[in-house]
C-alpha atoms as a PDB file:
ATOM      1  CA  MET A   1       0.000   0.000   0.000  1.00  0.00           C
ATOM      2  CA  SER A   2       1.540   3.246  -1.109  1.00  0.00           C
ATOM      3  CA  THR A   3       0.569   6.570   0.370  1.00  0.00           C
ATOM      4  CA  SER A   4       1.830   9.971  -0.611  1.00  0.00           C
ATOM      5  CA  MET A   5       3.630  12.232   1.814  1.00  0.00           C
ATOM      6  CA  ASN A   6       0.680  14.617   1.953  1.00  0.00           C
ATOM      7  CA  GLN A   7      -1.679  11.830   3.105  1.00  0.00           C
ATOM      8  CA  MET A   8       0.536  10.676   5.999  1.00  0.00           C
ATOM      9  CA  ALA A   9      -0.078  11.700   9.551  1.00  0.00           C
ATOM     10  CA  PRO A  10       2.368  14.386  10.786  1.00  0.00           C
ATOM     11  CA  TRP A  11       4.023  12.045  13.283  1.00  0.00           C
ATOM     12  CA  VAL A  12       4.925   9.316  10.784  1.00  0.00           C
ATOM     13  CA  PRO A  13       8.725   9.357  10.383  1.00  0.00           C
ATOM     14  CA  THR A  14       8.924   7.700   6.933  1.00  0.00           C
ATOM     15  CA  HIS A  15       9.979  10.902   5.180  1.00  0.00           C
ATOM     16  CA  ILE A  16      12.802  11.753   7.567  1.00  0.00           C
ATOM     17  CA  LEU A  17      15.437  11.144   4.884  1.00  0.00           C
ATOM     18  CA  ALA A  18      13.777  13.486   2.381  1.00  0.00           C
ATOM     19  CA  ALA A  19      15.888  16.309   1.003  1.00  0.00           C
ATOM     20  CA  GLU A  20      15.639  19.592   2.866  1.00  0.00           C
ATOM     21  CA  ASP A  21      13.491  21.276   0.218  1.00  0.00           C
ATOM     22  CA  GLU A  22      11.202  18.217  -0.016  1.00  0.00           C
ATOM     23  CA  GLN A  23      10.471  18.003   3.716  1.00  0.00           C
ATOM     24  CA  PRO A  24       6.938  18.825   4.825  1.00  0.00           C
ATOM     25  CA  ASP A  25       6.460  22.023   6.819  1.00  0.00           C
ATOM     26  CA  HIS A  26       5.475  20.183  10.000  1.00  0.00           C
ATOM     27  CA  LEU A  27       8.741  18.207   9.927  1.00  0.00           C
ATOM     28  CA  VAL A  28      10.826  21.347   9.411  1.00  0.00           C
ATOM     29  CA  LYS A  29       8.957  23.017  12.278  1.00  0.00           C
ATOM     30  CA  ALA A  30       9.614  19.985  14.480  1.00  0.00           C
ATOM     31  CA  LYS A  31      13.321  20.100  13.616  1.00  0.00           C
ATOM     32  CA  LEU A  32      13.482  23.826  14.419  1.00  0.00           C
ATOM     33  CA  SER A  33      11.776  23.152  17.758  1.00  0.00           C
ATOM     34  CA  PHE A  34      14.189  20.284  18.414  1.00  0.00           C
ATOM     35  CA  ALA A  35      17.135  22.608  17.740  1.00  0.00           C
ATOM     36  CA  ARG A  36      15.750  25.199  20.176  1.00  0.00           C
ATOM     37  CA  LEU A  37      15.288  22.526  22.845  1.00  0.00           C
ATOM     38  CA  ILE A  38      18.815  21.120  22.559  1.00  0.00           C
ATOM     39  CA  ALA A  39      20.562  24.481  22.050  1.00  0.00           C
ATOM     40  CA  THR A  40      20.856  25.077  25.800  1.00  0.00           C
ATOM     41  CA  ALA A  41      20.981  21.417  26.845  1.00  0.00           C
ATOM     42  CA  PRO A  42      24.178  19.416  27.274  1.00  0.00           C
ATOM     43  CA  ASP A  43      25.363  17.665  24.125  1.00  0.00           C
ATOM     44  CA  ASN A  44      24.509  14.071  25.048  1.00  0.00           C
ATOM     45  CA  HIS A  45      22.065  11.353  24.030  1.00  0.00           C
ATOM     46  CA  GLU A  46      19.835  11.794  27.068  1.00  0.00           C
ATOM     47  CA  ALA A  47      19.250  15.507  26.426  1.00  0.00           C
ATOM     48  CA  ARG A  48      18.504  14.864  22.751  1.00  0.00           C
ATOM     49  CA  TYR A  49      16.131  12.033  23.696  1.00  0.00           C
ATOM     50  CA  ARG A  50      14.284  14.240  26.205  1.00  0.00           C
ATOM     51  CA  ALA A  51      13.937  16.943  23.537  1.00  0.00           C
ATOM     52  CA  ALA A  52      12.596  14.380  21.046  1.00  0.00           C
ATOM     53  CA  ARG A  53      10.141  13.004  23.615  1.00  0.00           C
ATOM     54  CA  THR A  54       8.943  16.546  24.284  1.00  0.00           C
ATOM     55  CA  LEU A  55       8.041  16.863  20.625  1.00  0.00           C
ATOM     56  CA  PHE A  56       6.870  13.292  20.021  1.00  0.00           C
ATOM     57  CA  TRP A  57       5.252  12.206  23.268  1.00  0.00           C
ATOM     58  CA  ARG A  58       3.007   9.356  22.135  1.00  0.00           C
ATOM     59  CA  PRO A  59       4.059   5.868  23.317  1.00  0.00           C
ATOM     60  CA  ASP A  60       4.233   4.489  19.769  1.00  0.00           C
ATOM     61  CA  GLN A  61       6.794   7.194  18.872  1.00  0.00           C
ATOM     62  CA  GLU A  62       9.479   6.068  21.321  1.00  0.00           C
ATOM     63  CA  GLY A  63      11.519   4.248  18.669  1.00  0.00           C
ATOM     64  CA  PHE A  64      11.363   7.314  16.446  1.00  0.00           C
ATOM     65  CA  CYS A  65      12.634   9.442  19.353  1.00  0.00           C
ATOM     66  CA  GLN A  66      15.553   7.041  19.819  1.00  0.00           C
ATOM     67  CA  GLN A  67      16.445   7.499  16.138  1.00  0.00           C
ATOM     68  CA  ILE A  68      16.218  11.280  16.412  1.00  0.00           C
ATOM     69  CA  ALA A  69      18.414  11.359  19.509  1.00  0.00           C
ATOM     70  CA  ASN A  70      21.076   9.004  18.162  1.00  0.00           C
ATOM     71  CA  SER A  71      23.811  11.218  16.709  1.00  0.00           C
ATOM     72  CA  ALA A  72      25.594   8.217  15.156  1.00  0.00           C
ATOM     73  CA  ASP A  73      22.458   7.214  13.231  1.00  0.00           C
ATOM     74  CA  PRO A  74      22.251   8.797   9.743  1.00  0.00           C
ATOM     75  CA  VAL A  75      18.662   9.785  10.455  1.00  0.00           C
ATOM     76  CA  GLY A  76      19.579  11.374  13.801  1.00  0.00           C
ATOM     77  CA  TRP A  77      18.545  14.990  13.853  1.00  0.00           C
ATOM     78  CA  SER A  78      21.801  16.196  15.451  1.00  0.00           C
ATOM     79  CA  ASN A  79      23.405  15.929  12.001  1.00  0.00           C
ATOM     80  CA  ASP A  80      20.440  17.346  10.089  1.00  0.00           C
ATOM     81  CA  PRO A  81      21.157  20.562   8.126  1.00  0.00           C
ATOM     82  CA  VAL A  82      17.944  22.200   9.375  1.00  0.00           C
ATOM     83  CA  VAL A  83      18.869  21.535  13.011  1.00  0.00           C
ATOM     84  CA  ILE A  84      22.510  22.554  12.520  1.00  0.00           C
ATOM     85  CA  GLY A  85      21.459  25.770  10.767  1.00  0.00           C
ATOM     86  CA  GLU A  86      18.957  26.684  13.476  1.00  0.00           C
ATOM     87  CA  MET A  87      21.491  26.008  16.243  1.00  0.00           C
ATOM     88  CA  ALA A  88      24.047  28.205  14.454  1.00  0.00           C
ATOM     89  CA  ARG A  89      21.441  30.959  14.154  1.00  0.00           C
ATOM     90  CA  LEU A  90      20.562  30.670  17.839  1.00  0.00           C
ATOM     91  CA  LYS A  91      24.253  30.833  18.754  1.00  0.00           C
ATOM     92  CA  ARG A  92      24.778  33.959  16.612  1.00  0.00           C
ATOM     93  CA  GLU A  93      21.682  35.510  18.160  1.00  0.00           C
ATOM     94  CA  ALA A  94      22.909  34.754  21.694  1.00  0.00           C
ATOM     95  CA  ASN A  95      26.335  36.230  20.938  1.00  0.00           C
ATOM     96  CA  GLY A  96      24.842  39.327  19.362  1.00  0.00           C
ATOM     97  CA  ASP A  97      26.485  38.586  16.002  1.00  0.00           C
ATOM     98  CA  ASP A  98      23.250  39.369  14.204  1.00  0.00           C
ATOM     99  CA  LEU A  99      23.223  42.955  15.504  1.00  0.00           C
ATOM    100  CA  PRO A 100      24.183  45.666  13.051  1.00  0.00           C
ATOM    101  CA  GLY A 101      27.648  47.152  13.372  1.00  0.00           C
ATOM    102  CA  LYS A 102      28.611  50.750  13.914  1.00  0.00           C
ATOM    103  CA  GLN A 103      28.711  51.531  10.193  1.00  0.00           C
ATOM    104  CA  ALA A 104      25.249  50.046   9.589  1.00  0.00           C
ATOM    105  CA  VAL A 105      23.749  52.044  12.460  1.00  0.00           C
ATOM    106  CA  ALA A 106      25.492  55.198  11.231  1.00  0.00           C
ATOM    107  CA  ARG A 107      24.136  54.652   7.704  1.00  0.00           C
ATOM    108  CA  SER A 108      20.622  54.127   9.098  1.00  0.00           C
ATOM    109  CA  LEU A 109      20.834  57.330  11.172  1.00  0.00           C
ATOM    110  CA  LEU A 110      22.147  59.299   8.216  1.00  0.00           C
ATOM    111  CA  ASN A 111      19.338  57.988   5.992  1.00  0.00           C
ATOM    112  CA  LEU A 112      16.821  58.979   8.662  1.00  0.00           C
ATOM    113  CA  ALA A 113      18.363  62.451   8.977  1.00  0.00           C
ATOM    114  CA  GLU A 114      18.197  63.011   5.213  1.00  0.00           C
ATOM    115  CA  ASP A 115      14.622  61.755   4.838  1.00  0.00           C
ATOM    116  CA  THR A 116      12.336  64.757   4.314  1.00  0.00           C
ATOM    117  CA  ARG A 117       9.224  62.856   5.414  1.00  0.00           C
ATOM    118  CA  PHE A 118      10.260  63.354   9.054  1.00  0.00           C
ATOM    119  CA  THR A 119       9.981  66.566  11.035  1.00  0.00           C
ATOM    120  CA  LEU A 120      12.931  68.891  11.270  1.00  0.00           C
ATOM    121  CA  ASP A 121      13.304  68.132  14.973  1.00  0.00           C
ATOM    122  CA  ALA A 122      13.477  64.363  14.352  1.00  0.00           C
ATOM    123  CA  ARG A 123      16.006  64.860  11.539  1.00  0.00           C
ATOM    124  CA  LEU A 124      18.199  67.094  13.718  1.00  0.00           C
ATOM    125  CA  LYS A 125      18.128  64.502  16.503  1.00  0.00           C
ATOM    126  CA  ALA A 126      19.171  61.825  13.994  1.00  0.00           C
ATOM    127  CA  TYR A 127      22.055  64.039  12.816  1.00  0.00           C
ATOM    128  CA  HIS A 128      23.075  64.620  16.422  1.00  0.00           C
ATOM    129  CA  GLN A 129      23.056  60.878  17.179  1.00  0.00           C
ATOM    130  CA  TYR A 130      25.000  60.208  13.979  1.00  0.00           C
ATOM    131  CA  CYS A 131      27.650  62.767  14.969  1.00  0.00           C
ATOM    132  CA  GLU A 132      27.926  61.293  18.474  1.00  0.00           C
ATOM    133  CA  LEU A 133      28.257  57.772  17.089  1.00  0.00           C
ATOM    134  CA  MET A 134      30.949  58.761  14.615  1.00  0.00           C
ATOM    135  CA  GLY A 135      32.810  60.933  17.159  1.00  0.00           C
ATOM    136  CA  LEU A 136      32.188  64.186  15.315  1.00  0.00           C
ATOM    137  CA  ASN A 137      30.743  66.075  18.292  1.00  0.00           C
ATOM    138  CA  PRO A 138      33.315  67.673  20.551  1.00  0.00           C
ATOM    139  CA  SER A 139      33.221  66.314  24.044  1.00  0.00           C
ATOM    140  CA  LYS A 140      31.628  68.491  26.712  1.00  0.00           C
ATOM    141  CA  ASN A 141      34.896  68.369  28.644  1.00  0.00           C
ATOM    142  CA  ALA A 142      37.074  69.137  25.631  1.00  0.00           C
ATOM    143  CA  PRO A 143      38.221  72.742  25.262  1.00  0.00           C
ATOM    144  CA  ALA A 144      36.533  74.681  22.484  1.00  0.00           C
ATOM    145  CA  GLY A 145      38.670  75.958  19.651  1.00  0.00           C
ATOM    146  CA  GLY A 146      41.747  74.055  20.786  1.00  0.00           C
ATOM    147  CA  ASN A 147      42.480  76.473  23.636  1.00  0.00           C
ATOM    148  CA  VAL A 148      43.826  74.435  26.505  1.00  0.00           C
ATOM    149  CA  THR A 149      43.558  75.835  29.982  1.00  0.00           C
ATOM    150  CA  THR A 150      45.573  74.532  32.864  1.00  0.00           C
ATOM    151  CA  ASN A 151      44.087  74.510  36.311  1.00  0.00           C
ATOM    152  CA  ILE A 152      46.753  75.155  38.920  1.00  0.00           C
ATOM    153  CA  ILE A 153      45.878  73.777  42.295  1.00  0.00           C
ATOM    154  CA  ASP A 154      47.467  75.746  45.119  1.00  0.00           C
ATOM    155  CA  GLN A 155      48.689  73.054  47.447  1.00  0.00           C
ATOM    156  CA  ARG A 156      51.873  72.730  49.416  1.00  0.00           C
ATOM    157  CA  VAL A 157      54.515  70.596  47.823  1.00  0.00           C
ATOM    158  CA  PHE A 158      56.954  68.522  49.832  1.00  0.00           C
ATOM    159  CA  VAL A 159      60.345  68.638  48.186  1.00  0.00           C
ATOM    160  CA  VAL A 160      62.584  65.641  48.765  1.00  0.00           C
ATOM    161  CA  PRO A 161      66.278  66.263  48.219  1.00  0.00           C
ATOM    162  CA  GLN A 162      67.765  63.840  45.762  1.00  0.00           C
ATOM    163  CA  GLU A 163      71.141  62.208  46.146  1.00  0.00           C
ATOM    164  CA  LEU A 164      73.207  63.090  43.121  1.00  0.00           C
ATOM    165  CA  ASP A 165      75.633  60.240  43.542  1.00  0.00           C
ATOM    166  CA  GLN A 166      74.597  56.603  43.028  1.00  0.00           C
ATOM    167  CA  ASP A 167      77.216  55.316  45.504  1.00  0.00           C
ATOM    168  CA  ALA A 168      76.030  57.740  48.206  1.00  0.00           C
ATOM    169  CA  TRP A 169      72.449  56.617  47.663  1.00  0.00           C
ATOM    170  CA  GLN A 170      73.421  52.927  47.988  1.00  0.00           C
ATOM    171  CA  GLU A 171      75.466  53.644  51.144  1.00  0.00           C
ATOM    172  CA  ARG A 172      72.529  55.489  52.703  1.00  0.00           C
ATOM    173  CA  SER A 173      70.226  52.595  51.767  1.00  0.00           C
ATOM    174  CA  ARG A 174      72.566  50.086  53.442  1.00  0.00           C
ATOM    175  CA  GLU A 175      72.640  52.188  56.641  1.00  0.00           C
ATOM    176  CA  ILE A 176      68.852  52.373  56.764  1.00  0.00           C
ATOM    177  CA  ARG A 177      68.525  48.641  56.187  1.00  0.00           C
ATOM    178  CA  LYS A 178      71.117  47.907  58.881  1.00  0.00           C
ATOM    179  CA  ARG A 179      69.222  50.098  61.380  1.00  0.00           C
ATOM    180  CA  GLN A 180      65.947  48.341  60.515  1.00  0.00           C
ATOM    181  CA  ILE A 181      67.521  44.936  61.159  1.00  0.00           C
ATOM    182  CA  GLU A 182      68.969  46.108  64.482  1.00  0.00           C
ATOM    183  CA  MET A 183      65.592  47.516  65.540  1.00  0.00           C
ATOM    184  CA  THR A 184      63.890  44.228  64.638  1.00  0.00           C
ATOM    185  CA  VAL A 185      66.442  42.160  66.567  1.00  0.00           C
ATOM    186  CA  ASN A 186      66.137  44.464  69.602  1.00  0.00           C
ATOM    187  CA  SER A 187      62.346  44.262  69.576  1.00  0.00           C
ATOM    188  CA  VAL A 188      62.463  40.463  69.384  1.00  0.00           C
ATOM    189  CA  GLU A 189      64.932  40.308  72.318  1.00  0.00           C
ATOM    190  CA  THR A 190      62.750  42.684  74.330  1.00  0.00           C
ATOM    191  CA  ASP A 191      59.635  40.583  73.640  1.00  0.00           C
ATOM    192  CA  ALA A 192      61.486  37.398  74.637  1.00  0.00           C
ATOM    193  CA  ASP A 193      62.326  38.819  78.077  1.00  0.00           C
END
């Protein structure tokens, strides 16, 4: 008895090996749902089986779920192009890779600013946002016209005399270190008493 794909019930897995463009819509939708379910789950047989059982819950579909979950099986959905494509899309979406870049946003703002259908106020705001995005607006803290002013803070400065001679500096350092060691030894002897 031969039945066409259109006459089969949606849960019948006989067309699982059909080419991607020949797959019925309900099967593609099931594969997309399967990809969404396993995208956040650990990559193991049990997680894939649970995802398959979520989609195909009837008792007579258990064998089909085992096939779907088995990544070594050629009919396993882990290797299916629809599932792989959907998981890649979900990963890009989670990473923000599908968001437009700076240049795309700038182009969109510039197009909005040049569109005469919008009010002048909306167009000026778009120009302002474009200039901010592209770094064309001077910073509020930046001096205007390139004039740089220096703020002098009137505080007392402690001047430390500097040894001009390297040998004198090393000798002074040795004396200080020697005194620190003597003070440490004396404090230890005093504590011991």
